[in-house]
């Protein structure tokens, strides 16, 4: 939770853009606008697949409604003996 607060304070415009983007795409989705139509209207969606757009909207809906919550503690080692995650190549 602390990391989330820090991220929000470091990038308030990013947080606002995330909410604005979700809200806009969610309204379009509820109005029956297809991902293909969304890409035609919103140039920032170019290069994103239908599945990516639907996934963003779907996960966003669950987060906003309270159906989903991704606790950051799932990624925190539970003890000093935990092995660090492998570094990406």
Protein backbone atom coordinates (compact mmCIF):
# COMPACT_ATOMS: atom_id res chain seq x y z
CA UNK A 1 0.00 0.00 0.00
CA UNK A 2 2.86 2.37 0.78
CA UNK A 3 4.35 1.79 -2.69
CA UNK A 4 1.00 2.70 -4.24
CA UNK A 5 0.86 5.95 -2.28
CA UNK A 6 4.44 6.80 -3.23
CA UNK A 7 3.73 6.07 -6.92
CA UNK A 8 0.65 8.31 -6.78
CA UNK A 9 2.55 11.17 -5.15
CA UNK A 10 5.48 10.89 -7.57
CA UNK A 11 3.23 10.92 -10.61
CA UNK A 12 -0.12 12.55 -9.91
CA UNK A 13 -0.66 13.24 -13.62
CA UNK A 14 -0.01 9.57 -14.39
CA UNK A 15 -2.59 8.55 -11.82
CA UNK A 16 -5.09 11.05 -13.24
CA UNK A 17 -4.42 9.85 -16.80
CA UNK A 18 -4.92 6.24 -15.75
CA UNK A 19 -8.31 7.06 -14.24
CA UNK A 20 -9.27 9.29 -17.16
CA UNK A 21 -8.29 6.61 -19.68
CA UNK A 22 -10.20 3.91 -17.86
CA UNK A 23 -13.27 6.10 -17.43
CA UNK A 24 -13.30 7.08 -21.11
CA UNK A 25 -12.80 3.55 -22.42
CA UNK A 26 -15.30 2.15 -19.94
CA UNK A 27 -17.96 4.62 -21.12
CA UNK A 28 -17.19 3.71 -24.73
CA UNK A 29 -17.42 -0.01 -23.90
CA UNK A 30 -20.77 0.46 -22.12
CA UNK A 31 -22.04 2.39 -25.17
CA UNK A 32 -21.24 -0.62 -27.37
CA UNK A 33 -18.15 0.84 -29.06
CA UNK A 34 -15.89 -1.98 -30.27
CA UNK A 35 -12.13 -2.02 -29.62
CA UNK A 36 -11.60 -1.47 -33.35
CA UNK A 37 -13.79 1.65 -33.22
CA UNK A 38 -11.97 2.83 -30.08
CA UNK A 39 -8.65 2.58 -31.93
CA UNK A 40 -10.09 4.72 -34.74
CA UNK A 41 -11.21 7.40 -32.26
CA UNK A 42 -8.31 7.30 -29.78
CA UNK A 43 -4.93 7.31 -31.53
CA UNK A 44 -3.14 6.24 -28.32
CA UNK A 45 -4.77 2.81 -28.70
CA UNK A 46 -3.06 2.11 -32.02
CA UNK A 47 -0.85 -0.95 -31.63
CA UNK A 48 -3.01 -2.44 -28.88
CA UNK A 49 -5.03 -5.56 -29.63
CA UNK A 50 -8.74 -6.03 -28.99
CA UNK A 51 -7.81 -8.39 -26.14
CA UNK A 52 -5.53 -5.79 -24.52
CA UNK A 53 -8.21 -3.10 -24.68
CA UNK A 54 -10.91 -5.43 -23.35
CA UNK A 55 -8.55 -6.64 -20.62
CA UNK A 56 -7.74 -3.11 -19.46
CA UNK A 57 -11.42 -2.19 -19.32
CA UNK A 58 -12.41 -5.48 -17.66
CA UNK A 59 -9.77 -5.35 -14.94
CA UNK A 60 -10.47 -1.65 -14.40
CA UNK A 61 -14.17 -2.36 -13.92
CA UNK A 62 -13.41 -4.98 -11.29
CA UNK A 63 -10.96 -2.71 -9.45
CA UNK A 64 -13.36 0.24 -9.42
CA UNK A 65 -16.33 -1.88 -8.30
CA UNK A 66 -14.27 -3.53 -5.55
CA UNK A 67 -14.52 -7.03 -7.05
CA UNK A 68 -10.73 -7.21 -7.40
CA UNK A 69 -7.82 -6.02 -5.32
CA UNK A 70 -4.22 -6.84 -6.02
CA UNK A 71 -2.44 -6.80 -2.68
CA UNK A 72 1.17 -5.76 -3.08
CA UNK A 73 2.19 -8.07 -0.24
CA UNK A 74 1.97 -11.01 -2.63
CA UNK A 75 5.23 -9.81 -4.17
CA UNK A 76 7.05 -9.17 -0.89
CA UNK A 77 9.31 -11.93 0.48
CA UNK A 78 7.84 -13.37 3.68
CA UNK A 79 11.18 -14.10 5.35
CA UNK A 80 14.89 -13.41 5.14
CA UNK A 81 15.42 -16.87 3.63
CA UNK A 82 13.27 -16.15 0.59
CA UNK A 83 15.21 -16.25 -2.64
CA UNK A 84 15.18 -13.09 -4.73
CA UNK A 85 13.22 -13.15 -7.96
CA UNK A 86 15.36 -13.95 -11.02
CA UNK A 87 16.49 -10.92 -13.00
CA UNK A 88 14.93 -10.53 -16.46
CA UNK A 89 17.24 -11.18 -19.36
